[in-house]
Amino acid sequence: MTRLLPGVIAMAAIVVASNILVQFLFGNWLTWGAFTYPLAFLVTDVMNRVYGVSAARKVVFAGFVTGVICSFIGTQIMGEFGPLVTLRIAMGSGLAFLTAQLLDVAIFDRLREGRWWRAPVVSTLIGSSVDTAIFFTIAFSGTLTFLEPANDVSWAGEVLPLLGAGPMAPLWVSLAVADWMVKLALALLALVPFRVLVTKLSPNPA
């Protein structure tokens, strides 16, 4: 368990930081949390490469538990428009994290024998895409209002040009696309620290 502790701590720190930073806007389409949350995939992939699938899953579950605790705390804190974390956001966040991270672990494992960069790139790109789709759909799509009828998310359904310049789409779709683009960019940039960390932690780097 000792060898997993750095990964568990890193994952927990990323989840906590992202839950705090998501409250602060960065431009019109993003929050600061969009830049920290994708690092969770880096932690998962490093643990997977160095210690294997079982270790990576344990780190993922530690992050999930941390996220659940953060969501519960957020539901108890009242902001200007109600709880900082609504039921839909809590559900979307938890389901997206667990599904995407476990998918990342499985895909990485299938590709681990290939070129060193292929497993982290493919697993993170697919995991990030699934994460974005699940979270934003559950949290803001008008078709799922039955999940929390008392939570008015009509603002997210306002039809506007995509990212301010594209075809007309609900606001939440622009938020999702912007978030997804950041995740894809960070997935590529994360190859550098991935390689460095794997080389440092593993006697036989991939």
N, C-alpha and C. Protein backbone atom coordinates (compact mmCIF):
# COMPACT_ATOMS: atom_id res chain seq x y z
N MET A 1 0.83 -1.21 0.00
CA MET A 1 0.00 0.00 0.00
C MET A 1 0.86 1.26 0.00
N THR A 2 2.06 1.15 0.62
CA THR A 2 2.93 2.32 0.72
C THR A 2 3.30 2.86 -0.65
N ARG A 3 3.54 1.96 -1.60
CA ARG A 3 3.94 2.40 -2.93
C ARG A 3 2.82 3.13 -3.65
N LEU A 4 1.57 2.88 -3.23
CA LEU A 4 0.42 3.52 -3.87
C LEU A 4 0.11 4.88 -3.25
N LEU A 5 0.68 5.14 -2.08
CA LEU A 5 0.33 6.35 -1.34
C LEU A 5 0.55 7.64 -2.13
N PRO A 6 1.69 7.81 -2.83
CA PRO A 6 1.86 9.04 -3.62
C PRO A 6 0.77 9.21 -4.68
N GLY A 7 0.39 8.11 -5.32
CA GLY A 7 -0.67 8.18 -6.33
C GLY A 7 -2.01 8.54 -5.72
N VAL A 8 -2.31 7.95 -4.57
CA VAL A 8 -3.57 8.24 -3.88
C VAL A 8 -3.62 9.70 -3.45
N ILE A 9 -2.51 10.18 -2.90
CA ILE A 9 -2.45 11.57 -2.45
C ILE A 9 -2.58 12.53 -3.63
N ALA A 10 -1.87 12.22 -4.73
CA ALA A 10 -1.93 13.07 -5.91
C ALA A 10 -3.34 13.11 -6.48
N MET A 11 -3.98 11.94 -6.57
CA MET A 11 -5.35 11.88 -7.10
C MET A 11 -6.30 12.66 -6.21
N ALA A 12 -6.20 12.46 -4.91
CA ALA A 12 -7.08 13.18 -3.98
C ALA A 12 -6.88 14.69 -4.08
N ALA A 13 -5.62 15.11 -4.19
CA ALA A 13 -5.32 16.54 -4.29
C ALA A 13 -5.92 17.13 -5.56
N ILE A 14 -5.82 16.39 -6.67
CA ILE A 14 -6.38 16.87 -7.94
C ILE A 14 -7.89 16.99 -7.86
N VAL A 15 -8.53 15.99 -7.27
CA VAL A 15 -10.00 16.02 -7.14
C VAL A 15 -10.45 17.17 -6.26
N VAL A 16 -9.79 17.35 -5.12
CA VAL A 16 -10.15 18.45 -4.22
C VAL A 16 -9.92 19.80 -4.89
N ALA A 17 -8.76 19.98 -5.51
CA ALA A 17 -8.45 21.24 -6.19
C ALA A 17 -9.46 21.53 -7.30
N SER A 18 -9.81 20.51 -8.06
CA SER A 18 -10.76 20.71 -9.16
C SER A 18 -12.13 21.08 -8.66
N ASN A 19 -12.54 20.48 -7.54
CA ASN A 19 -13.85 20.81 -6.97
C ASN A 19 -13.90 22.25 -6.46
N ILE A 20 -12.76 22.77 -6.05
CA ILE A 20 -12.70 24.16 -5.59
C ILE A 20 -12.61 25.11 -6.79
N LEU A 21 -11.72 24.79 -7.72
CA LEU A 21 -11.46 25.68 -8.85
C LEU A 21 -12.61 25.74 -9.85
N VAL A 22 -13.48 24.73 -9.83
CA VAL A 22 -14.61 24.73 -10.76
C VAL A 22 -15.59 25.87 -10.44
N GLN A 23 -15.43 26.48 -9.28
CA GLN A 23 -16.29 27.59 -8.89
C GLN A 23 -15.86 28.92 -9.52
N PHE A 24 -14.69 28.92 -10.17
CA PHE A 24 -14.14 30.17 -10.70
C PHE A 24 -14.01 30.11 -12.22
N LEU A 25 -14.56 31.10 -12.88
CA LEU A 25 -14.58 31.11 -14.34
C LEU A 25 -13.23 31.50 -14.95
N PHE A 26 -12.95 30.90 -16.10
CA PHE A 26 -11.81 31.28 -16.92
C PHE A 26 -12.37 31.59 -18.31
N GLY A 27 -12.57 32.84 -18.59
CA GLY A 27 -13.21 33.22 -19.84
C GLY A 27 -14.70 32.94 -19.83
N ASN A 28 -15.28 32.73 -21.01
CA ASN A 28 -16.73 32.53 -21.12
C ASN A 28 -17.16 31.08 -21.06
N TRP A 29 -16.25 30.14 -21.35
CA TRP A 29 -16.66 28.76 -21.53
C TRP A 29 -16.02 27.77 -20.58
N LEU A 30 -15.06 28.22 -19.77
CA LEU A 30 -14.32 27.31 -18.93
C LEU A 30 -14.27 27.77 -17.48
N THR A 31 -13.92 26.84 -16.60
CA THR A 31 -13.58 27.18 -15.23
C THR A 31 -12.12 26.77 -15.02
N TRP A 32 -11.53 27.25 -13.97
CA TRP A 32 -10.13 26.88 -13.69
C TRP A 32 -10.00 25.39 -13.43
N GLY A 33 -11.09 24.76 -12.99
CA GLY A 33 -11.05 23.33 -12.74
C GLY A 33 -10.80 22.51 -13.99
N ALA A 34 -11.10 23.08 -15.15
CA ALA A 34 -10.88 22.37 -16.41
C ALA A 34 -9.40 22.11 -16.66
N PHE A 35 -8.53 22.87 -16.00
CA PHE A 35 -7.10 22.72 -16.23
C PHE A 35 -6.43 21.78 -15.22
N THR A 36 -7.12 21.50 -14.12
CA THR A 36 -6.54 20.60 -13.11
C THR A 36 -7.13 19.19 -13.18
N TYR A 37 -8.41 19.09 -13.45
CA TYR A 37 -9.05 17.78 -13.46
C TYR A 37 -8.42 16.78 -14.43
N PRO A 38 -8.05 17.17 -15.65
CA PRO A 38 -7.45 16.20 -16.59
C PRO A 38 -6.17 15.55 -16.07
N LEU A 39 -5.53 16.16 -15.08
CA LEU A 39 -4.31 15.58 -14.54
C LEU A 39 -4.59 14.25 -13.84
N ALA A 40 -5.88 14.00 -13.53
CA ALA A 40 -6.24 12.72 -12.92
C ALA A 40 -5.90 11.57 -13.84
N PHE A 41 -6.03 11.79 -15.16
CA PHE A 41 -5.69 10.74 -16.12
C PHE A 41 -4.19 10.48 -16.13
N LEU A 42 -3.40 11.52 -15.92
CA LEU A 42 -1.95 11.36 -15.85
C LEU A 42 -1.59 10.47 -14.67
N VAL A 43 -2.18 10.74 -13.52
CA VAL A 43 -1.89 9.95 -12.33
C VAL A 43 -2.28 8.48 -12.55
N THR A 44 -3.48 8.27 -13.11
CA THR A 44 -3.95 6.91 -13.36
C THR A 44 -3.01 6.17 -14.31
N ASP A 45 -2.59 6.84 -15.37
CA ASP A 45 -1.74 6.18 -16.37
C ASP A 45 -0.34 5.87 -15.83
N VAL A 46 0.21 6.76 -15.03
CA VAL A 46 1.52 6.50 -14.44
C VAL A 46 1.44 5.30 -13.50
N MET A 47 0.41 5.26 -12.67
CA MET A 47 0.24 4.14 -11.74
C MET A 47 0.03 2.84 -12.51
N ASN A 48 -0.71 2.91 -13.59
CA ASN A 48 -0.98 1.73 -14.41
C ASN A 48 0.31 1.20 -15.04
N ARG A 49 1.11 2.11 -15.59
CA ARG A 49 2.36 1.70 -16.24
C ARG A 49 3.36 1.13 -15.25
N VAL A 50 3.50 1.78 -14.10
CA VAL A 50 4.54 1.40 -13.15
C VAL A 50 4.13 0.23 -12.26
N TYR A 51 2.87 0.26 -11.76
CA TYR A 51 2.44 -0.73 -10.77
C TYR A 51 1.36 -1.70 -11.25
N GLY A 52 0.77 -1.43 -12.43
CA GLY A 52 -0.21 -2.35 -12.96
C GLY A 52 -1.66 -1.93 -12.79
N VAL A 53 -2.54 -2.74 -13.36
CA VAL A 53 -3.96 -2.43 -13.40
C VAL A 53 -4.59 -2.34 -12.01
N SER A 54 -4.29 -3.30 -11.17
CA SER A 54 -4.89 -3.33 -9.83
C SER A 54 -4.57 -2.06 -9.05
N ALA A 55 -3.32 -1.63 -9.11
CA ALA A 55 -2.91 -0.41 -8.40
C ALA A 55 -3.62 0.80 -8.97
N ALA A 56 -3.73 0.87 -10.29
CA ALA A 56 -4.39 2.01 -10.92
C ALA A 56 -5.85 2.09 -10.49
N ARG A 57 -6.52 0.94 -10.43
CA ARG A 57 -7.93 0.94 -10.03
C ARG A 57 -8.10 1.38 -8.58
N LYS A 58 -7.17 0.98 -7.71
CA LYS A 58 -7.24 1.41 -6.31
C LYS A 58 -7.11 2.93 -6.20
N VAL A 59 -6.23 3.50 -6.99
CA VAL A 59 -6.06 4.95 -6.99
C VAL A 59 -7.32 5.64 -7.52
N VAL A 60 -7.92 5.05 -8.55
CA VAL A 60 -9.17 5.59 -9.10
C VAL A 60 -10.26 5.59 -8.05
N PHE A 61 -10.42 4.48 -7.33
CA PHE A 61 -11.47 4.40 -6.32
C PHE A 61 -11.20 5.38 -5.17
N ALA A 62 -9.93 5.61 -4.86
CA ALA A 62 -9.60 6.61 -3.83
C ALA A 62 -10.04 7.99 -4.30
N GLY A 63 -9.82 8.28 -5.59
CA GLY A 63 -10.26 9.56 -6.13
C GLY A 63 -11.76 9.68 -6.15
N PHE A 64 -12.44 8.58 -6.45
CA PHE A 64 -13.91 8.58 -6.47
C PHE A 64 -14.47 8.88 -5.08
N VAL A 65 -13.93 8.23 -4.07
CA VAL A 65 -14.38 8.47 -2.69
C VAL A 65 -14.14 9.92 -2.30
N THR A 66 -12.98 10.44 -2.67
CA THR A 66 -12.68 11.85 -2.38
C THR A 66 -13.69 12.76 -3.06
N GLY A 67 -14.03 12.44 -4.32
CA GLY A 67 -15.00 13.24 -5.05
C GLY A 67 -16.37 13.20 -4.41
N VAL A 68 -16.78 12.04 -3.94
CA VAL A 68 -18.08 11.90 -3.27
C VAL A 68 -18.12 12.77 -2.02
N ILE A 69 -17.03 12.75 -1.26
CA ILE A 69 -16.96 13.57 -0.04
C ILE A 69 -17.04 15.05 -0.40
N CYS A 70 -16.31 15.46 -1.44
CA CYS A 70 -16.33 16.86 -1.87
C CYS A 70 -17.74 17.27 -2.31
N SER A 71 -18.40 16.38 -3.04
CA SER A 71 -19.75 16.68 -3.51
C SER A 71 -20.72 16.83 -2.34
N PHE A 72 -20.57 15.95 -1.34
CA PHE A 72 -21.45 16.03 -0.17
C PHE A 72 -21.24 17.35 0.57
N ILE A 73 -19.98 17.73 0.73
CA ILE A 73 -19.69 19.00 1.39
C ILE A 73 -20.28 20.15 0.59
N GLY A 74 -20.16 20.07 -0.73
CA GLY A 74 -20.68 21.13 -1.60
C GLY A 74 -22.19 21.27 -1.52
N THR A 75 -22.88 20.16 -1.31
CA THR A 75 -24.35 20.24 -1.20
C THR A 75 -24.79 20.94 0.08
N GLN A 76 -23.89 21.02 1.05
CA GLN A 76 -24.21 21.65 2.33
C GLN A 76 -23.86 23.13 2.37
N ILE A 77 -23.15 23.60 1.33
CA ILE A 77 -22.75 25.01 1.28
C ILE A 77 -23.67 25.76 0.34
N MET A 78 -24.34 26.77 0.84
CA MET A 78 -25.29 27.52 0.05
C MET A 78 -24.61 28.71 -0.62
N GLY A 79 -24.83 28.82 -1.92
CA GLY A 79 -24.33 29.95 -2.68
C GLY A 79 -25.44 30.91 -3.01
N GLU A 80 -25.21 31.79 -3.95
CA GLU A 80 -26.20 32.81 -4.32
C GLU A 80 -27.46 32.19 -4.92
N PHE A 81 -27.31 31.09 -5.64
CA PHE A 81 -28.43 30.47 -6.33
C PHE A 81 -28.80 29.10 -5.76
N GLY A 82 -28.34 28.80 -4.54
CA GLY A 82 -28.63 27.51 -3.93
C GLY A 82 -27.35 26.78 -3.57
N PRO A 83 -27.42 25.46 -3.36
CA PRO A 83 -26.22 24.70 -3.00
C PRO A 83 -25.15 24.80 -4.07
N LEU A 84 -23.89 24.84 -3.67
CA LEU A 84 -22.81 24.93 -4.63
C LEU A 84 -22.77 23.69 -5.52
N VAL A 85 -23.16 22.57 -4.97
CA VAL A 85 -23.22 21.32 -5.74
C VAL A 85 -24.64 20.78 -5.71
N THR A 86 -25.28 20.69 -6.87
CA THR A 86 -26.63 20.15 -6.95
C THR A 86 -26.57 18.62 -7.10
N LEU A 87 -27.73 17.99 -6.96
CA LEU A 87 -27.78 16.54 -7.10
C LEU A 87 -27.32 16.10 -8.48
N ARG A 88 -27.73 16.81 -9.52
CA ARG A 88 -27.36 16.44 -10.89
C ARG A 88 -25.86 16.58 -11.11
N ILE A 89 -25.28 17.63 -10.57
CA ILE A 89 -23.83 17.82 -10.71
C ILE A 89 -23.08 16.73 -9.95
N ALA A 90 -23.57 16.39 -8.76
CA ALA A 90 -22.93 15.34 -7.97
C ALA A 90 -23.01 14.00 -8.70
N MET A 91 -24.19 13.69 -9.23
CA MET A 91 -24.37 12.44 -9.96
C MET A 91 -23.51 12.39 -11.22
N GLY A 92 -23.54 13.48 -11.97
CA GLY A 92 -22.76 13.55 -13.20
C GLY A 92 -21.27 13.45 -12.94
N SER A 93 -20.82 14.15 -11.92
CA SER A 93 -19.39 14.16 -11.60
C SER A 93 -18.91 12.77 -11.19
N GLY A 94 -19.65 12.14 -10.28
CA GLY A 94 -19.25 10.83 -9.78
C GLY A 94 -19.27 9.76 -10.86
N LEU A 95 -20.37 9.71 -11.63
CA LEU A 95 -20.50 8.70 -12.67
C LEU A 95 -19.47 8.92 -13.79
N ALA A 96 -19.26 10.17 -14.16
CA ALA A 96 -18.30 10.49 -15.22
C ALA A 96 -16.89 10.09 -14.79
N PHE A 97 -16.52 10.45 -13.57
CA PHE A 97 -15.16 10.15 -13.08
C PHE A 97 -14.92 8.65 -13.05
N LEU A 98 -15.82 7.91 -12.42
CA LEU A 98 -15.61 6.48 -12.25
C LEU A 98 -15.61 5.75 -13.59
N THR A 99 -16.56 6.08 -14.44
CA THR A 99 -16.65 5.42 -15.75
C THR A 99 -15.43 5.71 -16.61
N ALA A 100 -15.10 6.99 -16.71
CA ALA A 100 -13.99 7.40 -17.58
C ALA A 100 -12.64 6.88 -17.10
N GLN A 101 -12.42 6.93 -15.80
CA GLN A 101 -11.14 6.48 -15.25
C GLN A 101 -10.96 4.97 -15.39
N LEU A 102 -12.01 4.21 -15.11
CA LEU A 102 -11.92 2.76 -15.25
C LEU A 102 -11.77 2.36 -16.72
N LEU A 103 -12.41 3.12 -17.59
CA LEU A 103 -12.25 2.87 -19.03
C LEU A 103 -10.81 3.16 -19.45
N ASP A 104 -10.27 4.24 -18.92
CA ASP A 104 -8.87 4.59 -19.19
C ASP A 104 -7.93 3.46 -18.76
N VAL A 105 -8.18 2.92 -17.58
CA VAL A 105 -7.34 1.83 -17.06
C VAL A 105 -7.40 0.61 -17.98
N ALA A 106 -8.63 0.26 -18.40
CA ALA A 106 -8.81 -0.93 -19.24
C ALA A 106 -8.15 -0.76 -20.61
N ILE A 107 -8.34 0.40 -21.23
CA ILE A 107 -7.77 0.64 -22.55
C ILE A 107 -6.25 0.70 -22.47
N PHE A 108 -5.73 1.37 -21.46
CA PHE A 108 -4.28 1.45 -21.28
C PHE A 108 -3.69 0.05 -21.18
N ASP A 109 -4.34 -0.81 -20.41
CA ASP A 109 -3.83 -2.16 -20.22
C ASP A 109 -3.80 -2.94 -21.53
N ARG A 110 -4.80 -2.74 -22.37
CA ARG A 110 -4.86 -3.43 -23.66
C ARG A 110 -3.75 -2.98 -24.60
N LEU A 111 -3.32 -1.73 -24.42
CA LEU A 111 -2.33 -1.16 -25.34
C LEU A 111 -0.93 -1.05 -24.74
N ARG A 112 -0.74 -1.56 -23.55
CA ARG A 112 0.50 -1.32 -22.82
C ARG A 112 1.74 -1.91 -23.51
N GLU A 113 1.56 -2.90 -24.38
CA GLU A 113 2.72 -3.52 -25.02
C GLU A 113 3.17 -2.77 -26.28
N GLY A 114 2.41 -1.77 -26.68
CA GLY A 114 2.77 -1.01 -27.87
C GLY A 114 3.80 0.06 -27.58
N ARG A 115 3.97 0.99 -28.47
CA ARG A 115 4.90 2.10 -28.28
C ARG A 115 4.52 2.86 -27.01
N TRP A 116 5.50 3.40 -26.31
CA TRP A 116 5.28 3.94 -24.97
C TRP A 116 4.20 5.00 -24.91
N TRP A 117 4.03 5.78 -25.98
CA TRP A 117 3.10 6.90 -25.95
C TRP A 117 1.68 6.49 -26.34
N ARG A 118 1.52 5.34 -26.98
CA ARG A 118 0.21 4.99 -27.52
C ARG A 118 -0.83 4.75 -26.42
N ALA A 119 -0.46 3.98 -25.40
CA ALA A 119 -1.41 3.66 -24.34
C ALA A 119 -1.91 4.91 -23.61
N PRO A 120 -1.03 5.81 -23.15
CA PRO A 120 -1.53 6.99 -22.46
C PRO A 120 -2.32 7.93 -23.36
N VAL A 121 -1.93 8.06 -24.61
CA VAL A 121 -2.65 8.97 -25.50
C VAL A 121 -4.05 8.45 -25.80
N VAL A 122 -4.13 7.20 -26.27
CA VAL A 122 -5.43 6.65 -26.66
C VAL A 122 -6.37 6.52 -25.46
N SER A 123 -5.87 5.99 -24.36
CA SER A 123 -6.73 5.79 -23.18
C SER A 123 -7.23 7.11 -22.63
N THR A 124 -6.36 8.11 -22.61
CA THR A 124 -6.77 9.42 -22.07
C THR A 124 -7.74 10.13 -23.01
N LEU A 125 -7.50 10.06 -24.31
CA LEU A 125 -8.41 10.72 -25.24
C LEU A 125 -9.81 10.12 -25.17
N ILE A 126 -9.88 8.80 -25.14
CA ILE A 126 -11.19 8.15 -25.06
C ILE A 126 -11.83 8.39 -23.70
N GLY A 127 -11.05 8.22 -22.64
CA GLY A 127 -11.58 8.45 -21.29
C GLY A 127 -12.07 9.87 -21.10
N SER A 128 -11.31 10.83 -21.58
CA SER A 128 -11.69 12.24 -21.46
C SER A 128 -12.97 12.56 -22.22
N SER A 129 -13.11 11.97 -23.39
CA SER A 129 -14.31 12.20 -24.20
C SER A 129 -15.54 11.65 -23.50
N VAL A 130 -15.41 10.45 -22.96
CA VAL A 130 -16.53 9.83 -22.23
C VAL A 130 -16.87 10.64 -20.99
N ASP A 131 -15.84 11.08 -20.28
CA ASP A 131 -16.03 11.88 -19.07
C ASP A 131 -16.83 13.15 -19.38
N THR A 132 -16.43 13.86 -20.41
CA THR A 132 -17.12 15.10 -20.79
C THR A 132 -18.57 14.84 -21.17
N ALA A 133 -18.78 13.82 -21.99
CA ALA A 133 -20.14 13.52 -22.46
C ALA A 133 -21.06 13.17 -21.30
N ILE A 134 -20.59 12.32 -20.39
CA ILE A 134 -21.43 11.89 -19.27
C ILE A 134 -21.72 13.05 -18.33
N PHE A 135 -20.68 13.79 -17.93
CA PHE A 135 -20.89 14.85 -16.94
C PHE A 135 -21.83 15.93 -17.45
N PHE A 136 -21.55 16.50 -18.60
CA PHE A 136 -22.35 17.63 -19.06
C PHE A 136 -23.77 17.23 -19.43
N THR A 137 -23.95 16.02 -19.93
CA THR A 137 -25.30 15.57 -20.26
C THR A 137 -26.13 15.40 -19.00
N ILE A 138 -25.57 14.72 -17.99
CA ILE A 138 -26.32 14.51 -16.75
C ILE A 138 -26.54 15.80 -16.00
N ALA A 139 -25.53 16.65 -15.95
CA ALA A 139 -25.61 17.87 -15.15
C ALA A 139 -26.49 18.94 -15.75
N PHE A 140 -26.54 19.04 -17.10
CA PHE A 140 -27.18 20.22 -17.69
C PHE A 140 -28.18 19.97 -18.82
N SER A 141 -28.25 18.77 -19.36
CA SER A 141 -29.18 18.54 -20.47
C SER A 141 -30.63 18.69 -20.03
N GLY A 142 -31.40 19.40 -20.85
CA GLY A 142 -32.81 19.61 -20.53
C GLY A 142 -33.62 18.33 -20.58
N THR A 143 -33.13 17.32 -21.27
CA THR A 143 -33.87 16.05 -21.36
C THR A 143 -33.83 15.25 -20.08
N LEU A 144 -32.96 15.64 -19.14
CA LEU A 144 -32.82 14.88 -17.89
C LEU A 144 -33.28 15.68 -16.68
N THR A 145 -34.17 16.63 -16.87
CA THR A 145 -34.65 17.43 -15.75
C THR A 145 -35.37 16.61 -14.70
N PHE A 146 -35.87 15.42 -15.09
CA PHE A 146 -36.58 14.56 -14.14
C PHE A 146 -35.66 14.07 -13.02
N LEU A 147 -34.35 14.13 -13.24
CA LEU A 147 -33.42 13.69 -12.20
C LEU A 147 -33.46 14.60 -10.98
N GLU A 148 -33.76 15.86 -11.21
CA GLU A 148 -33.83 16.85 -10.12
C GLU A 148 -34.76 17.98 -10.55
N PRO A 149 -36.06 17.74 -10.50
CA PRO A 149 -37.04 18.72 -11.00
C PRO A 149 -36.91 20.10 -10.37
N ALA A 150 -36.49 20.16 -9.11
CA ALA A 150 -36.40 21.45 -8.41
C ALA A 150 -35.19 22.27 -8.85
N ASN A 151 -34.27 21.66 -9.57
CA ASN A 151 -33.06 22.36 -10.00
C ASN A 151 -33.29 22.95 -11.39
N ASP A 152 -33.34 24.25 -11.47
CA ASP A 152 -33.59 24.93 -12.75
C ASP A 152 -32.28 25.09 -13.52
N VAL A 153 -32.15 24.31 -14.59
CA VAL A 153 -30.95 24.41 -15.43
C VAL A 153 -31.31 24.98 -16.80
N SER A 154 -32.41 25.72 -16.84
CA SER A 154 -32.85 26.28 -18.12
C SER A 154 -31.80 27.22 -18.72
N TRP A 155 -31.02 27.86 -17.85
CA TRP A 155 -29.96 28.76 -18.34
C TRP A 155 -28.96 28.02 -19.24
N ALA A 156 -28.72 26.73 -18.91
CA ALA A 156 -27.77 25.95 -19.69
C ALA A 156 -28.32 25.56 -21.05
N GLY A 157 -29.64 25.67 -21.20
CA GLY A 157 -30.26 25.31 -22.47
C GLY A 157 -30.42 26.47 -23.42
N GLU A 158 -29.97 27.65 -23.02
CA GLU A 158 -30.08 28.82 -23.89
C GLU A 158 -29.32 28.57 -25.19
N VAL A 159 -29.99 28.78 -26.31
CA VAL A 159 -29.38 28.51 -27.61
C VAL A 159 -28.53 29.70 -28.05
N LEU A 160 -27.24 29.42 -28.26
CA LEU A 160 -26.27 30.46 -28.64
C LEU A 160 -25.32 29.89 -29.69
N PRO A 161 -24.58 30.74 -30.38
CA PRO A 161 -23.56 30.22 -31.31
C PRO A 161 -22.55 29.37 -30.56
N LEU A 162 -22.20 28.21 -31.10
CA LEU A 162 -21.26 27.31 -30.44
C LEU A 162 -19.93 28.01 -30.21
N LEU A 163 -19.52 28.07 -28.96
CA LEU A 163 -18.29 28.75 -28.56
C LEU A 163 -18.25 30.19 -29.05
N GLY A 164 -19.42 30.76 -29.23
CA GLY A 164 -19.52 32.16 -29.61
C GLY A 164 -19.39 32.45 -31.08
N ALA A 165 -19.09 31.42 -31.88
CA ALA A 165 -18.86 31.70 -33.31
C ALA A 165 -19.38 30.61 -34.24
N GLY A 166 -19.76 29.47 -33.72
CA GLY A 166 -20.17 28.35 -34.56
C GLY A 166 -21.68 28.27 -34.74
N PRO A 167 -22.18 27.09 -35.12
CA PRO A 167 -23.63 26.91 -35.30
C PRO A 167 -24.37 27.04 -33.98
N MET A 168 -25.65 27.25 -34.05
CA MET A 168 -26.44 27.43 -32.84
C MET A 168 -26.53 26.13 -32.06
N ALA A 169 -26.36 26.22 -30.75
CA ALA A 169 -26.41 25.05 -29.89
C ALA A 169 -26.69 25.50 -28.46
N PRO A 170 -27.22 24.60 -27.62
CA PRO A 170 -27.42 24.96 -26.21
C PRO A 170 -26.11 25.38 -25.55
N LEU A 171 -26.20 26.27 -24.60
CA LEU A 171 -25.01 26.75 -23.91
C LEU A 171 -24.18 25.61 -23.33
N TRP A 172 -24.85 24.61 -22.76
CA TRP A 172 -24.10 23.54 -22.11
C TRP A 172 -23.25 22.75 -23.11
N VAL A 173 -23.65 22.73 -24.36
CA VAL A 173 -22.86 22.05 -25.38
C VAL A 173 -21.55 22.82 -25.62
N SER A 174 -21.63 24.15 -25.64
CA SER A 174 -20.41 24.95 -25.78
C SER A 174 -19.48 24.73 -24.60
N LEU A 175 -20.05 24.65 -23.40
CA LEU A 175 -19.24 24.40 -22.21
C LEU A 175 -18.57 23.04 -22.31
N ALA A 176 -19.31 22.05 -22.80
CA ALA A 176 -18.76 20.70 -22.94
C ALA A 176 -17.65 20.65 -23.98
N VAL A 177 -17.86 21.30 -25.11
CA VAL A 177 -16.86 21.28 -26.18
C VAL A 177 -15.58 21.98 -25.72
N ALA A 178 -15.71 23.10 -25.05
CA ALA A 178 -14.53 23.82 -24.55
C ALA A 178 -13.77 22.96 -23.55
N ASP A 179 -14.49 22.32 -22.66
CA ASP A 179 -13.88 21.44 -21.66
C ASP A 179 -13.16 20.27 -22.34
N TRP A 180 -13.81 19.70 -23.35
CA TRP A 180 -13.24 18.56 -24.09
C TRP A 180 -11.95 18.96 -24.82
N MET A 181 -11.94 20.14 -25.41
CA MET A 181 -10.75 20.60 -26.13
C MET A 181 -9.57 20.79 -25.19
N VAL A 182 -9.82 21.29 -24.00
CA VAL A 182 -8.75 21.45 -23.02
C VAL A 182 -8.21 20.09 -22.62
N LYS A 183 -9.11 19.13 -22.41
CA LYS A 183 -8.67 17.79 -22.02
C LYS A 183 -7.80 17.16 -23.10
N LEU A 184 -8.18 17.33 -24.35
CA LEU A 184 -7.39 16.76 -25.44
C LEU A 184 -6.00 17.39 -25.50
N ALA A 185 -5.95 18.71 -25.34
CA ALA A 185 -4.66 19.41 -25.37
C ALA A 185 -3.77 18.95 -24.22
N LEU A 186 -4.35 18.83 -23.04
CA LEU A 186 -3.56 18.41 -21.88
C LEU A 186 -3.14 16.96 -21.98
N ALA A 187 -3.94 16.14 -22.67
CA ALA A 187 -3.57 14.74 -22.86
C ALA A 187 -2.26 14.63 -23.62
N LEU A 188 -2.05 15.50 -24.58
CA LEU A 188 -0.81 15.49 -25.36
C LEU A 188 0.34 16.09 -24.56
N LEU A 189 0.07 17.19 -23.87
CA LEU A 189 1.11 17.83 -23.07
C LEU A 189 1.56 16.93 -21.92
N ALA A 190 0.66 16.10 -21.42
CA ALA A 190 0.96 15.24 -20.28
C ALA A 190 1.93 14.12 -20.64
N LEU A 191 2.20 13.93 -21.93
CA LEU A 191 3.15 12.89 -22.32
C LEU A 191 4.54 13.16 -21.75
N VAL A 192 4.88 14.44 -21.61
CA VAL A 192 6.20 14.79 -21.09
C VAL A 192 6.34 14.36 -19.63
N PRO A 193 5.45 14.83 -18.72
CA PRO A 193 5.58 14.37 -17.33
C PRO A 193 5.34 12.87 -17.18
N PHE A 194 4.50 12.28 -18.05
CA PHE A 194 4.28 10.83 -18.00
C PHE A 194 5.60 10.09 -18.22
N ARG A 195 6.30 10.48 -19.25
CA ARG A 195 7.58 9.82 -19.57
C ARG A 195 8.59 10.01 -18.47
N VAL A 196 8.66 11.23 -17.93
CA VAL A 196 9.62 11.53 -16.87
C VAL A 196 9.30 10.72 -15.61
N LEU A 197 8.04 10.69 -15.21
CA LEU A 197 7.65 9.99 -13.99
C LEU A 197 7.84 8.48 -14.12
N VAL A 198 7.47 7.94 -15.27
CA VAL A 198 7.63 6.50 -15.48
C VAL A 198 9.11 6.12 -15.45
N THR A 199 9.93 6.93 -16.08
CA THR A 199 11.38 6.68 -16.09
C THR A 199 11.96 6.72 -14.68
N LYS A 200 11.46 7.65 -13.87
CA LYS A 200 11.97 7.81 -12.51
C LYS A 200 11.49 6.70 -11.58
N LEU A 201 10.24 6.28 -11.75
CA LEU A 201 9.66 5.33 -10.81
C LEU A 201 9.86 3.87 -11.19
N SER A 202 10.07 3.60 -12.46
CA SER A 202 10.17 2.21 -12.92
C SER A 202 11.61 1.87 -13.33
N PRO A 203 12.10 0.71 -12.88
CA PRO A 203 13.44 0.29 -13.31
C PRO A 203 13.47 -0.13 -14.78
N ASN A 204 12.27 -0.41 -15.32
CA ASN A 204 12.17 -0.80 -16.73
C ASN A 204 11.14 0.06 -17.42
N PRO A 205 11.41 1.35 -17.67
CA PRO A 205 10.44 2.24 -18.27
C PRO A 205 10.01 1.77 -19.64
N ALA A 206 8.69 2.03 -19.95
CA ALA A 206 8.15 1.61 -21.24
C ALA A 206 8.40 2.64 -22.29
